[in-house]
Amino acid sequence: MDMGDRSQCGLIGNYILGPRIGSGSFAVVWRSRHRHSGMEVAVKEIDKKQLSPKVADNLLKEISILGNIRHPNIIRLFEAIETEDRIYLVLEYCDGGDLAAYIHRRGKVSEAVVRHFMRQLAGGLKVLHENRLIHRDLKPQNLLLSTTEVTPLLKIGDFGFARYLTAQGLADTLCGSPLYMAPEIIQNKKYDGKADLWSVGAILFQLVTGKPPFDGDSQLQVLRRTIIANPIRKI
Protein backbone atom coordinates (compact mmCIF):
# COMPACT_ATOMS: atom_id res chain seq x y z
CA MET A 1 0.00 0.00 0.00
CA ASP A 2 1.26 3.48 -0.84
CA MET A 3 2.09 5.48 2.27
CA GLY A 4 -0.02 8.37 1.07
CA ASP A 5 -3.11 6.14 0.92
CA ARG A 6 -2.76 4.64 4.39
CA SER A 7 -5.96 4.59 6.43
CA GLN A 8 -6.19 7.38 8.96
CA CYS A 9 -7.24 4.88 11.65
CA GLY A 10 -4.02 2.85 11.40
CA LEU A 11 -2.28 1.80 14.60
CA ILE A 12 1.51 1.81 15.00
CA GLY A 13 2.63 0.59 18.41
CA ASN A 14 0.50 2.59 20.85
CA TYR A 15 -0.12 5.42 18.39
CA ILE A 16 -3.26 6.01 16.32
CA LEU A 17 -2.40 7.59 12.98
CA GLY A 18 -4.46 10.62 12.02
CA PRO A 19 -4.31 12.95 9.01
CA ARG A 20 -1.19 13.34 6.90
CA ILE A 21 0.59 16.62 7.65
CA GLY A 22 3.72 16.29 5.52
CA SER A 23 5.54 14.13 2.99
CA GLY A 24 8.86 13.75 1.19
CA SER A 25 10.60 11.43 -1.25
CA PHE A 26 10.76 8.53 1.20
CA ALA A 27 8.66 9.57 4.21
CA VAL A 28 5.19 10.67 5.26
CA VAL A 29 4.37 12.47 8.51
CA TRP A 30 1.10 11.75 10.31
CA ARG A 31 -0.55 13.77 13.06
CA SER A 32 -1.20 11.06 15.62
CA ARG A 33 -2.06 10.44 19.27
CA HIS A 34 -1.20 7.94 21.97
CA ARG A 35 -4.14 5.56 22.30
CA HIS A 36 -4.04 5.58 26.13
CA SER A 37 -2.83 9.04 27.18
CA GLY A 38 -4.22 10.95 24.19
CA MET A 39 -0.91 12.82 23.81
CA GLU A 40 -0.53 14.30 20.33
CA VAL A 41 2.61 13.34 18.41
CA ALA A 42 3.96 13.44 14.87
CA VAL A 43 4.72 9.99 13.44
CA LYS A 44 7.24 10.04 10.61
CA GLU A 45 6.79 6.91 8.48
CA ILE A 46 9.87 6.01 6.44
CA ASP A 47 9.92 3.48 3.60
CA LYS A 48 13.17 1.53 4.03
CA LYS A 49 13.11 0.37 0.40
CA GLN A 50 13.48 3.99 -0.75
CA LEU A 51 16.60 4.66 1.33
CA SER A 52 20.07 4.68 -0.20
CA PRO A 53 22.83 3.29 2.04
CA LYS A 54 23.97 6.87 2.79
CA VAL A 55 20.49 8.08 3.72
CA ALA A 56 19.91 4.97 5.84
CA ASP A 57 23.15 5.68 7.70
CA ASN A 58 22.10 9.31 8.24
CA LEU A 59 18.77 8.12 9.63
CA LEU A 60 20.42 5.80 12.16
CA LYS A 61 22.67 8.65 13.30
CA GLU A 62 19.66 10.97 13.61
CA ILE A 63 17.86 8.42 15.80
CA SER A 64 20.95 8.02 17.98
CA ILE A 65 21.44 11.77 18.38
CA LEU A 66 17.81 12.57 19.20
CA GLY A 67 17.67 9.63 21.60
CA ASN A 68 20.48 11.17 23.67
CA ILE A 69 19.54 14.87 23.67
CA ARG A 70 16.86 16.49 25.85
CA HIS A 71 16.19 20.23 25.70
CA PRO A 72 13.03 22.37 25.37
CA ASN A 73 14.35 23.90 22.14
CA ILE A 74 15.24 20.60 20.46
CA ILE A 75 12.56 18.36 18.98
CA ARG A 76 12.05 15.28 21.11
CA LEU A 77 12.09 11.73 19.78
CA PHE A 78 9.83 9.60 21.99
CA GLU A 79 10.61 6.29 20.30
CA ALA A 80 11.53 4.60 17.03
CA ILE A 81 9.55 1.59 15.80
CA GLU A 82 10.88 -0.69 13.06
CA THR A 83 8.96 -3.22 10.98
CA GLU A 84 10.08 -5.33 8.02
CA ASP A 85 9.76 -2.48 5.52
CA ARG A 86 9.15 0.67 7.59
CA ILE A 87 10.71 2.80 10.31
CA TYR A 88 8.43 5.02 12.39
CA LEU A 89 9.83 7.96 14.34
CA VAL A 90 7.47 9.18 17.07
CA LEU A 91 8.28 12.87 17.53
CA GLU A 92 6.91 15.88 19.38
CA TYR A 93 3.99 17.43 17.53
CA CYS A 94 4.41 21.14 16.77
CA ASP A 95 1.08 22.75 15.93
CA GLY A 96 2.64 26.00 14.68
CA GLY A 97 4.37 24.57 11.61
CA ASP A 98 7.86 25.89 10.90
CA LEU A 99 9.63 29.25 10.96
CA ALA A 100 9.64 29.46 7.14
CA ALA A 101 5.83 29.43 7.08
CA TYR A 102 5.77 31.93 9.97
CA ILE A 103 7.97 34.37 8.02
CA HIS A 104 5.92 33.80 4.85
CA ARG A 105 2.72 34.70 6.74
CA ARG A 106 4.08 37.69 8.62
CA GLY A 107 6.99 39.00 6.55
CA LYS A 108 9.71 40.69 8.59
CA VAL A 109 9.02 40.56 12.33
CA SER A 110 9.55 42.96 15.22
CA GLU A 111 12.83 43.20 17.11
CA ALA A 112 11.18 41.77 20.23
CA VAL A 113 10.00 38.67 18.35
CA VAL A 114 13.41 38.27 16.69
CA ARG A 115 15.04 38.29 20.15
CA HIS A 116 12.49 35.72 21.33
CA PHE A 117 13.40 33.31 18.53
CA MET A 118 17.15 33.94 18.65
CA ARG A 119 17.30 33.27 22.40
CA GLN A 120 15.63 29.90 21.92
CA LEU A 121 17.71 28.96 18.88
CA ALA A 122 20.87 29.87 20.80
CA GLY A 123 19.74 27.78 23.78
CA GLY A 124 19.21 24.66 21.68
CA LEU A 125 22.41 25.19 19.69
CA LYS A 126 24.43 25.66 22.89
CA VAL A 127 23.37 22.21 24.10
CA LEU A 128 24.29 20.64 20.75
CA HIS A 129 27.74 22.22 20.73
CA GLU A 130 28.33 21.30 24.39
CA ASN A 131 27.75 17.71 23.27
CA ARG A 132 30.21 18.19 20.36
CA LEU A 133 27.37 18.06 17.83
CA ILE A 134 26.97 20.17 14.71
CA HIS A 135 23.56 20.37 13.03
CA ARG A 136 24.76 21.40 9.54
CA ASP A 137 21.30 22.16 8.15
CA LEU A 138 19.88 25.00 10.21
CA LYS A 139 17.24 26.87 8.20
CA PRO A 140 13.73 28.21 8.85
CA GLN A 141 12.14 25.02 7.45
CA ASN A 142 13.91 22.97 10.15
CA LEU A 143 12.87 25.20 13.06
CA LEU A 144 9.50 24.02 14.33
CA LEU A 145 7.02 26.11 16.33
CA SER A 146 4.89 24.79 19.18
CA THR A 147 1.80 26.93 18.46
CA THR A 148 0.45 29.50 15.99
CA GLU A 149 0.86 32.33 18.54
CA VAL A 150 3.08 35.35 17.84
CA THR A 151 5.82 34.08 20.21
CA PRO A 152 5.68 30.26 20.20
CA LEU A 153 8.28 27.87 21.56
CA LEU A 154 10.92 27.13 18.90
CA LYS A 155 12.41 23.67 18.48
CA ILE A 156 15.36 22.65 16.31
CA GLY A 157 14.34 19.70 14.11
CA ASP A 158 15.56 17.49 11.24
CA PHE A 159 18.89 16.08 12.39
CA GLY A 160 19.54 14.11 9.21
CA PHE A 161 22.84 15.95 8.57
CA ALA A 162 23.88 16.31 12.23
CA ARG A 163 27.20 14.79 13.30
CA TYR A 164 29.43 14.43 16.30
CA LEU A 165 32.71 16.27 15.78
CA THR A 166 35.87 14.18 15.51
CA ALA A 167 38.70 14.34 18.04
CA GLN A 168 40.25 17.06 15.87
CA GLY A 169 37.04 19.06 16.17
CA LEU A 170 36.60 19.44 12.40
CA ALA A 171 34.34 18.10 9.66
CA ASP A 172 34.69 18.30 5.89
CA THR A 173 31.49 16.93 4.30
CA LEU A 174 29.59 19.16 1.87
CA CYS A 175 25.97 19.25 3.07
CA GLY A 176 23.20 21.64 4.03
CA SER A 177 21.03 24.16 2.19
CA PRO A 178 22.77 26.69 -0.10
CA LEU A 179 20.84 29.72 1.20
CA TYR A 180 22.09 29.09 4.75
CA MET A 181 25.39 27.28 4.10
CA ALA A 182 28.63 28.73 5.49
CA PRO A 183 31.31 29.68 2.92
CA GLU A 184 33.82 27.21 4.37
CA ILE A 185 31.39 24.35 3.69
CA ILE A 186 30.72 25.57 0.14
CA GLN A 187 34.46 25.72 -0.55
CA ASN A 188 35.06 22.22 0.84
CA LYS A 189 37.15 23.57 3.72
CA LYS A 190 37.28 21.87 7.10
CA TYR A 191 34.77 23.38 9.52
CA ASP A 192 33.44 23.12 13.06
CA GLY A 193 30.44 24.34 15.06
CA LYS A 194 30.97 27.89 13.83
CA ALA A 195 29.38 26.82 10.54
CA ASP A 196 26.08 26.54 12.43
CA LEU A 197 26.53 30.14 13.62
CA TRP A 198 26.70 31.31 10.00
CA SER A 199 23.31 29.67 9.44
CA VAL A 200 21.95 31.40 12.56
CA GLY A 201 23.09 34.73 11.11
CA ALA A 202 21.32 34.00 7.82
CA ILE A 203 18.14 33.11 9.72
CA LEU A 204 18.43 36.32 11.77
CA PHE A 205 18.76 38.34 8.55
CA GLN A 206 15.63 36.70 7.14
CA LEU A 207 13.62 37.37 10.30
CA VAL A 208 14.56 41.06 10.24
CA THR A 209 14.15 41.66 6.50
CA GLY A 210 11.65 38.98 5.46
CA LYS A 211 14.04 37.46 2.90
CA PRO A 212 17.28 35.41 2.97
CA PRO A 213 20.64 37.23 2.65
CA PHE A 214 21.46 35.61 -0.71
CA ASP A 215 19.27 34.52 -3.59
CA GLY A 216 19.63 33.41 -7.19
CA ASP A 217 17.96 31.63 -10.08
CA SER A 218 19.77 28.39 -9.23
CA GLN A 219 21.61 26.75 -6.34
CA LEU A 220 24.90 27.31 -8.17
CA GLN A 221 24.22 31.03 -8.44
CA VAL A 222 23.44 31.23 -4.72
CA LEU A 223 26.67 29.41 -3.88
CA ARG A 224 28.73 31.73 -6.08
CA ARG A 225 27.20 34.86 -4.57
CA THR A 226 27.84 33.59 -1.04
CA ILE A 227 31.51 32.90 -1.79
CA ILE A 228 32.07 36.22 -3.61
CA ALA A 229 30.53 38.18 -0.74
CA ASN A 230 32.43 36.22 1.93
CA PRO A 231 35.84 35.00 0.75
CA ILE A 232 37.73 32.72 3.14
CA ARG A 233 40.80 34.55 4.41
CA LYS A 234 43.67 33.02 6.34
CA ILE A 235 44.52 34.91 9.52
C-alpha atoms as a PDB file:
ATOM      1  CA  MET A   1       0.000   0.000   0.000  1.00  0.00           C
ATOM      2  CA  ASP A   2       1.256   3.481  -0.839  1.00  0.00           C
ATOM      3  CA  MET A   3       2.091   5.482   2.270  1.00  0.00           C
ATOM      4  CA  GLY A   4      -0.021   8.373   1.071  1.00  0.00           C
ATOM      5  CA  ASP A   5      -3.109   6.135   0.916  1.00  0.00           C
ATOM      6  CA  ARG A   6      -2.760   4.644   4.393  1.00  0.00           C
ATOM      7  CA  SER A   7      -5.960   4.589   6.426  1.00  0.00           C
ATOM      8  CA  GLN A   8      -6.191   7.383   8.962  1.00  0.00           C
ATOM      9  CA  CYS A   9      -7.239   4.883  11.648  1.00  0.00           C
ATOM     10  CA  GLY A  10      -4.016   2.847  11.404  1.00  0.00           C
ATOM     11  CA  LEU A  11      -2.276   1.802  14.601  1.00  0.00           C
ATOM     12  CA  ILE A  12       1.508   1.808  14.998  1.00  0.00           C
ATOM     13  CA  GLY A  13       2.625   0.594  18.411  1.00  0.00           C
ATOM     14  CA  ASN A  14       0.503   2.590  20.845  1.00  0.00           C
ATOM     15  CA  TYR A  15      -0.123   5.416  18.389  1.00  0.00           C
ATOM     16  CA  ILE A  16      -3.255   6.007  16.321  1.00  0.00           C
ATOM     17  CA  LEU A  17      -2.396   7.591  12.976  1.00  0.00           C
ATOM     18  CA  GLY A  18      -4.459  10.619  12.023  1.00  0.00           C
ATOM     19  CA  PRO A  19      -4.306  12.946   9.006  1.00  0.00           C
ATOM     20  CA  ARG A  20      -1.195  13.339   6.896  1.00  0.00           C
ATOM     21  CA  ILE A  21       0.595  16.624   7.652  1.00  0.00           C
ATOM     22  CA  GLY A  22       3.724  16.291   5.519  1.00  0.00           C
ATOM     23  CA  SER A  23       5.540  14.134   2.992  1.00  0.00           C
ATOM     24  CA  GLY A  24       8.863  13.752   1.190  1.00  0.00           C
ATOM     25  CA  SER A  25      10.604  11.430  -1.246  1.00  0.00           C
ATOM     26  CA  PHE A  26      10.763   8.529   1.203  1.00  0.00           C
ATOM     27  CA  ALA A  27       8.662   9.573   4.213  1.00  0.00           C
ATOM     28  CA  VAL A  28       5.191  10.666   5.259  1.00  0.00           C
ATOM     29  CA  VAL A  29       4.365  12.469   8.511  1.00  0.00           C
ATOM     30  CA  TRP A  30       1.096  11.753  10.308  1.00  0.00           C
ATOM     31  CA  ARG A  31      -0.549  13.773  13.063  1.00  0.00           C
ATOM     32  CA  SER A  32      -1.205  11.057  15.621  1.00  0.00           C
ATOM     33  CA  ARG A  33      -2.060  10.439  19.271  1.00  0.00           C
ATOM     34  CA  HIS A  34      -1.202   7.936  21.967  1.00  0.00           C
ATOM     35  CA  ARG A  35      -4.140   5.556  22.300  1.00  0.00           C
ATOM     36  CA  HIS A  36      -4.035   5.582  26.126  1.00  0.00           C
ATOM     37  CA  SER A  37      -2.833   9.042  27.185  1.00  0.00           C
ATOM     38  CA  GLY A  38      -4.220  10.954  24.190  1.00  0.00           C
ATOM     39  CA  MET A  39      -0.913  12.823  23.809  1.00  0.00           C
ATOM     40  CA  GLU A  40      -0.527  14.298  20.327  1.00  0.00           C
ATOM     41  CA  VAL A  41       2.609  13.338  18.407  1.00  0.00           C
ATOM     42  CA  ALA A  42       3.963  13.441  14.869  1.00  0.00           C
ATOM     43  CA  VAL A  43       4.720   9.995  13.445  1.00  0.00           C
ATOM     44  CA  LYS A  44       7.244  10.042  10.612  1.00  0.00           C
ATOM     45  CA  GLU A  45       6.792   6.909   8.481  1.00  0.00           C
ATOM     46  CA  ILE A  46       9.873   6.005   6.441  1.00  0.00           C
ATOM     47  CA  ASP A  47       9.918   3.476   3.599  1.00  0.00           C
ATOM     48  CA  LYS A  48      13.166   1.527   4.033  1.00  0.00           C
ATOM     49  CA  LYS A  49      13.106   0.367   0.398  1.00  0.00           C
ATOM     50  CA  GLN A  50      13.479   3.985  -0.752  1.00  0.00           C
ATOM     51  CA  LEU A  51      16.602   4.663   1.329  1.00  0.00           C
ATOM     52  CA  SER A  52      20.067   4.684  -0.201  1.00  0.00           C
ATOM     53  CA  PRO A  53      22.832   3.294   2.045  1.00  0.00           C
ATOM     54  CA  LYS A  54      23.971   6.867   2.789  1.00  0.00           C
ATOM     55  CA  VAL A  55      20.488   8.076   3.718  1.00  0.00           C
ATOM     56  CA  ALA A  56      19.907   4.966   5.843  1.00  0.00           C
ATOM     57  CA  ASP A  57      23.151   5.680   7.700  1.00  0.00           C
ATOM     58  CA  ASN A  58      22.096   9.306   8.243  1.00  0.00           C
ATOM     59  CA  LEU A  59      18.766   8.117   9.627  1.00  0.00           C
ATOM     60  CA  LEU A  60      20.422   5.803  12.157  1.00  0.00           C
ATOM     61  CA  LYS A  61      22.672   8.650  13.296  1.00  0.00           C
ATOM     62  CA  GLU A  62      19.660  10.967  13.606  1.00  0.00           C
ATOM     63  CA  ILE A  63      17.861   8.422  15.801  1.00  0.00           C
ATOM     64  CA  SER A  64      20.955   8.021  17.977  1.00  0.00           C
ATOM     65  CA  ILE A  65      21.436  11.775  18.385  1.00  0.00           C
ATOM     66  CA  LEU A  66      17.809  12.568  19.204  1.00  0.00           C
ATOM     67  CA  GLY A  67      17.671   9.633  21.601  1.00  0.00           C
ATOM     68  CA  ASN A  68      20.475  11.171  23.667  1.00  0.00           C
ATOM     69  CA  ILE A  69      19.543  14.873  23.674  1.00  0.00           C
ATOM     70  CA  ARG A  70      16.861  16.493  25.850  1.00  0.00           C
ATOM     71  CA  HIS A  71      16.188  20.230  25.698  1.00  0.00           C
ATOM     72  CA  PRO A  72      13.026  22.366  25.372  1.00  0.00           C
ATOM     73  CA  ASN A  73      14.353  23.898  22.141  1.00  0.00           C
ATOM     74  CA  ILE A  74      15.240  20.599  20.457  1.00  0.00           C
ATOM     75  CA  ILE A  75      12.562  18.360  18.976  1.00  0.00           C
ATOM     76  CA  ARG A  76      12.054  15.275  21.113  1.00  0.00           C
ATOM     77  CA  LEU A  77      12.087  11.730  19.779  1.00  0.00           C
ATOM     78  CA  PHE A  78       9.834   9.597  21.988  1.00  0.00           C
ATOM     79  CA  GLU A  79      10.606   6.291  20.299  1.00  0.00           C
ATOM     80  CA  ALA A  80      11.534   4.598  17.030  1.00  0.00           C
ATOM     81  CA  ILE A  81       9.546   1.592  15.805  1.00  0.00           C
ATOM     82  CA  GLU A  82      10.882  -0.689  13.063  1.00  0.00           C
ATOM     83  CA  THR A  83       8.961  -3.219  10.977  1.00  0.00           C
ATOM     84  CA  GLU A  84      10.078  -5.327   8.020  1.00  0.00           C
ATOM     85  CA  ASP A  85       9.764  -2.478   5.519  1.00  0.00           C
ATOM     86  CA  ARG A  86       9.146   0.665   7.588  1.00  0.00           C
ATOM     87  CA  ILE A  87      10.712   2.796  10.313  1.00  0.00           C
ATOM     88  CA  TYR A  88       8.431   5.018  12.389  1.00  0.00           C
ATOM     89  CA  LEU A  89       9.831   7.965  14.343  1.00  0.00           C
ATOM     90  CA  VAL A  90       7.472   9.183  17.067  1.00  0.00           C
ATOM     91  CA  LEU A  91       8.275  12.873  17.531  1.00  0.00           C
ATOM     92  CA  GLU A  92       6.913  15.879  19.382  1.00  0.00           C
ATOM     93  CA  TYR A  93       3.991  17.426  17.528  1.00  0.00           C
ATOM     94  CA  CYS A  94       4.413  21.138  16.774  1.00  0.00           C
ATOM     95  CA  ASP A  95       1.085  22.752  15.930  1.00  0.00           C
ATOM     96  CA  GLY A  96       2.641  25.995  14.683  1.00  0.00           C
ATOM     97  CA  GLY A  97       4.369  24.575  11.612  1.00  0.00           C
ATOM     98  CA  ASP A  98       7.856  25.892  10.900  1.00  0.00           C
ATOM     99  CA  LEU A  99       9.626  29.246  10.955  1.00  0.00           C
ATOM    100  CA  ALA A 100       9.638  29.464   7.144  1.00  0.00           C
ATOM    101  CA  ALA A 101       5.826  29.426   7.085  1.00  0.00           C
ATOM    102  CA  TYR A 102       5.772  31.925   9.971  1.00  0.00           C
ATOM    103  CA  ILE A 103       7.971  34.369   8.021  1.00  0.00           C
ATOM    104  CA  HIS A 104       5.921  33.803   4.854  1.00  0.00           C
ATOM    105  CA  ARG A 105       2.718  34.697   6.736  1.00  0.00           C
ATOM    106  CA  ARG A 106       4.078  37.694   8.617  1.00  0.00           C
ATOM    107  CA  GLY A 107       6.989  38.997   6.555  1.00  0.00           C
ATOM    108  CA  LYS A 108       9.707  40.694   8.594  1.00  0.00           C
ATOM    109  CA  VAL A 109       9.020  40.557  12.326  1.00  0.00           C
ATOM    110  CA  SER A 110       9.553  42.958  15.220  1.00  0.00           C
ATOM    111  CA  GLU A 111      12.833  43.203  17.109  1.00  0.00           C
ATOM    112  CA  ALA A 112      11.184  41.766  20.232  1.00  0.00           C
ATOM    113  CA  VAL A 113      10.000  38.667  18.353  1.00  0.00           C
ATOM    114  CA  VAL A 114      13.412  38.272  16.695  1.00  0.00           C
ATOM    115  CA  ARG A 115      15.040  38.285  20.149  1.00  0.00           C
ATOM    116  CA  HIS A 116      12.488  35.717  21.325  1.00  0.00           C
ATOM    117  CA  PHE A 117      13.398  33.306  18.526  1.00  0.00           C
ATOM    118  CA  MET A 118      17.153  33.942  18.651  1.00  0.00           C
ATOM    119  CA  ARG A 119      17.296  33.269  22.405  1.00  0.00           C
ATOM    120  CA  GLN A 120      15.632  29.899  21.920  1.00  0.00           C
ATOM    121  CA  LEU A 121      17.710  28.958  18.884  1.00  0.00           C
ATOM    122  CA  ALA A 122      20.875  29.868  20.796  1.00  0.00           C
ATOM    123  CA  GLY A 123      19.743  27.777  23.776  1.00  0.00           C
ATOM    124  CA  GLY A 124      19.209  24.664  21.680  1.00  0.00           C
ATOM    125  CA  LEU A 125      22.407  25.188  19.694  1.00  0.00           C
ATOM    126  CA  LYS A 126      24.435  25.664  22.894  1.00  0.00           C
ATOM    127  CA  VAL A 127      23.372  22.210  24.097  1.00  0.00           C
ATOM    128  CA  LEU A 128      24.288  20.644  20.750  1.00  0.00           C
ATOM    129  CA  HIS A 129      27.739  22.216  20.727  1.00  0.00           C
ATOM    130  CA  GLU A 130      28.331  21.301  24.389  1.00  0.00           C
ATOM    131  CA  ASN A 131      27.755  17.710  23.272  1.00  0.00           C
ATOM    132  CA  ARG A 132      30.208  18.190  20.356  1.00  0.00           C
ATOM    133  CA  LEU A 133      27.372  18.063  17.834  1.00  0.00           C
ATOM    134  CA  ILE A 134      26.966  20.167  14.708  1.00  0.00           C
ATOM    135  CA  HIS A 135      23.557  20.371  13.033  1.00  0.00           C
ATOM    136  CA  ARG A 136      24.760  21.397   9.537  1.00  0.00           C
ATOM    137  CA  ASP A 137      21.300  22.160   8.151  1.00  0.00           C
ATOM    138  CA  LEU A 138      19.875  25.000  10.214  1.00  0.00           C
ATOM    139  CA  LYS A 139      17.241  26.873   8.202  1.00  0.00           C
ATOM    140  CA  PRO A 140      13.727  28.209   8.851  1.00  0.00           C
ATOM    141  CA  GLN A 141      12.137  25.021   7.448  1.00  0.00           C
ATOM    142  CA  ASN A 142      13.908  22.975  10.148  1.00  0.00           C
ATOM    143  CA  LEU A 143      12.870  25.197  13.058  1.00  0.00           C
ATOM    144  CA  LEU A 144       9.496  24.023  14.329  1.00  0.00           C
ATOM    145  CA  LEU A 145       7.024  26.108  16.332  1.00  0.00           C
ATOM    146  CA  SER A 146       4.887  24.795  19.178  1.00  0.00           C
ATOM    147  CA  THR A 147       1.802  26.931  18.458  1.00  0.00           C
ATOM    148  CA  THR A 148       0.453  29.496  15.993  1.00  0.00           C
ATOM    149  CA  GLU A 149       0.860  32.328  18.536  1.00  0.00           C
ATOM    150  CA  VAL A 150       3.081  35.351  17.841  1.00  0.00           C
ATOM    151  CA  THR A 151       5.819  34.082  20.208  1.00  0.00           C
ATOM    152  CA  PRO A 152       5.682  30.262  20.198  1.00  0.00           C
ATOM    153  CA  LEU A 153       8.283  27.866  21.560  1.00  0.00           C
ATOM    154  CA  LEU A 154      10.921  27.135  18.905  1.00  0.00           C
ATOM    155  CA  LYS A 155      12.415  23.670  18.483  1.00  0.00           C
ATOM    156  CA  ILE A 156      15.359  22.648  16.305  1.00  0.00           C
ATOM    157  CA  GLY A 157      14.344  19.702  14.114  1.00  0.00           C
ATOM    158  CA  ASP A 158      15.564  17.495  11.245  1.00  0.00           C
ATOM    159  CA  PHE A 159      18.888  16.077  12.394  1.00  0.00           C
ATOM    160  CA  GLY A 160      19.544  14.106   9.208  1.00  0.00           C
ATOM    161  CA  PHE A 161      22.845  15.947   8.574  1.00  0.00           C
ATOM    162  CA  ALA A 162      23.881  16.309  12.234  1.00  0.00           C
ATOM    163  CA  ARG A 163      27.198  14.786  13.301  1.00  0.00           C
ATOM    164  CA  TYR A 164      29.434  14.428  16.303  1.00  0.00           C
ATOM    165  CA  LEU A 165      32.708  16.266  15.776  1.00  0.00           C
ATOM    166  CA  THR A 166      35.865  14.184  15.513  1.00  0.00           C
ATOM    167  CA  ALA A 167      38.698  14.341  18.038  1.00  0.00           C
ATOM    168  CA  GLN A 168      40.252  17.058  15.868  1.00  0.00           C
ATOM    169  CA  GLY A 169      37.035  19.061  16.168  1.00  0.00           C
ATOM    170  CA  LEU A 170      36.603  19.441  12.403  1.00  0.00           C
ATOM    171  CA  ALA A 171      34.335  18.102   9.658  1.00  0.00           C
ATOM    172  CA  ASP A 172      34.691  18.301   5.885  1.00  0.00           C
ATOM    173  CA  THR A 173      31.492  16.926   4.299  1.00  0.00           C
ATOM    174  CA  LEU A 174      29.586  19.156   1.865  1.00  0.00           C
ATOM    175  CA  CYS A 175      25.973  19.248   3.065  1.00  0.00           C
ATOM    176  CA  GLY A 176      23.202  21.644   4.032  1.00  0.00           C
ATOM    177  CA  SER A 177      21.026  24.159   2.189  1.00  0.00           C
ATOM    178  CA  PRO A 178      22.770  26.694  -0.102  1.00  0.00           C
ATOM    179  CA  LEU A 179      20.836  29.721   1.201  1.00  0.00           C
ATOM    180  CA  TYR A 180      22.088  29.086   4.745  1.00  0.00           C
ATOM    181  CA  MET A 181      25.391  27.276   4.105  1.00  0.00           C
ATOM    182  CA  ALA A 182      28.629  28.728   5.491  1.00  0.00           C
ATOM    183  CA  PRO A 183      31.312  29.684   2.923  1.00  0.00           C
ATOM    184  CA  GLU A 184      33.815  27.205   4.369  1.00  0.00           C
ATOM    185  CA  ILE A 185      31.393  24.347   3.686  1.00  0.00           C
ATOM    186  CA  ILE A 186      30.720  25.572   0.142  1.00  0.00           C
ATOM    187  CA  GLN A 187      34.460  25.717  -0.552  1.00  0.00           C
ATOM    188  CA  ASN A 188      35.061  22.216   0.845  1.00  0.00           C
ATOM    189  CA  LYS A 189      37.150  23.567   3.723  1.00  0.00           C
ATOM    190  CA  LYS A 190      37.277  21.866   7.097  1.00  0.00           C
ATOM    191  CA  TYR A 191      34.770  23.383   9.523  1.00  0.00           C
ATOM    192  CA  ASP A 192      33.438  23.125  13.058  1.00  0.00           C
ATOM    193  CA  GLY A 193      30.440  24.337  15.060  1.00  0.00           C
ATOM    194  CA  LYS A 194      30.972  27.894  13.834  1.00  0.00           C
ATOM    195  CA  ALA A 195      29.376  26.819  10.540  1.00  0.00           C
ATOM    196  CA  ASP A 196      26.078  26.541  12.427  1.00  0.00           C
ATOM    197  CA  LEU A 197      26.525  30.136  13.625  1.00  0.00           C
ATOM    198  CA  TRP A 198      26.697  31.308   9.999  1.00  0.00           C
ATOM    199  CA  SER A 199      23.312  29.666   9.440  1.00  0.00           C
ATOM    200  CA  VAL A 200      21.954  31.396  12.556  1.00  0.00           C
ATOM    201  CA  GLY A 201      23.091  34.727  11.108  1.00  0.00           C
ATOM    202  CA  ALA A 202      21.320  34.004   7.821  1.00  0.00           C
ATOM    203  CA  ILE A 203      18.136  33.110   9.724  1.00  0.00           C
ATOM    204  CA  LEU A 204      18.432  36.320  11.772  1.00  0.00           C
ATOM    205  CA  PHE A 205      18.757  38.339   8.550  1.00  0.00           C
ATOM    206  CA  GLN A 206      15.631  36.695   7.137  1.00  0.00           C
ATOM    207  CA  LEU A 207      13.618  37.371  10.301  1.00  0.00           C
ATOM    208  CA  VAL A 208      14.561  41.056  10.244  1.00  0.00           C
ATOM    209  CA  THR A 209      14.149  41.665   6.498  1.00  0.00           C
ATOM    210  CA  GLY A 210      11.652  38.984   5.460  1.00  0.00           C
ATOM    211  CA  LYS A 211      14.037  37.457   2.901  1.00  0.00           C
ATOM    212  CA  PRO A 212      17.282  35.413   2.970  1.00  0.00           C
ATOM    213  CA  PRO A 213      20.641  37.235   2.647  1.00  0.00           C
ATOM    214  CA  PHE A 214      21.458  35.614  -0.711  1.00  0.00           C
ATOM    215  CA  ASP A 215      19.266  34.516  -3.594  1.00  0.00           C
ATOM    216  CA  GLY A 216      19.626  33.412  -7.190  1.00  0.00           C
ATOM    217  CA  ASP A 217      17.964  31.630 -10.081  1.00  0.00           C
ATOM    218  CA  SER A 218      19.772  28.392  -9.228  1.00  0.00           C
ATOM    219  CA  GLN A 219      21.609  26.754  -6.344  1.00  0.00           C
ATOM    220  CA  LEU A 220      24.903  27.307  -8.168  1.00  0.00           C
ATOM    221  CA  GLN A 221      24.224  31.029  -8.444  1.00  0.00           C
ATOM    222  CA  VAL A 222      23.435  31.232  -4.720  1.00  0.00           C
ATOM    223  CA  LEU A 223      26.673  29.414  -3.877  1.00  0.00           C
ATOM    224  CA  ARG A 224      28.728  31.726  -6.084  1.00  0.00           C
ATOM    225  CA  ARG A 225      27.197  34.860  -4.569  1.00  0.00           C
ATOM    226  CA  THR A 226      27.839  33.593  -1.042  1.00  0.00           C
ATOM    227  CA  ILE A 227      31.507  32.896  -1.787  1.00  0.00           C
ATOM    228  CA  ILE A 228      32.069  36.218  -3.610  1.00  0.00           C
ATOM    229  CA  ALA A 229      30.531  38.182  -0.736  1.00  0.00           C
ATOM    230  CA  ASN A 230      32.426  36.216   1.932  1.00  0.00           C
ATOM    231  CA  PRO A 231      35.837  35.001   0.754  1.00  0.00           C
ATOM    232  CA  ILE A 232      37.726  32.724   3.139  1.00  0.00           C
ATOM    233  CA  ARG A 233      40.800  34.548   4.411  1.00  0.00           C
ATOM    234  CA  LYS A 234      43.670  33.024   6.338  1.00  0.00           C
ATOM    235  CA  ILE A 235      44.515  34.913   9.523  1.00  0.00           C
END
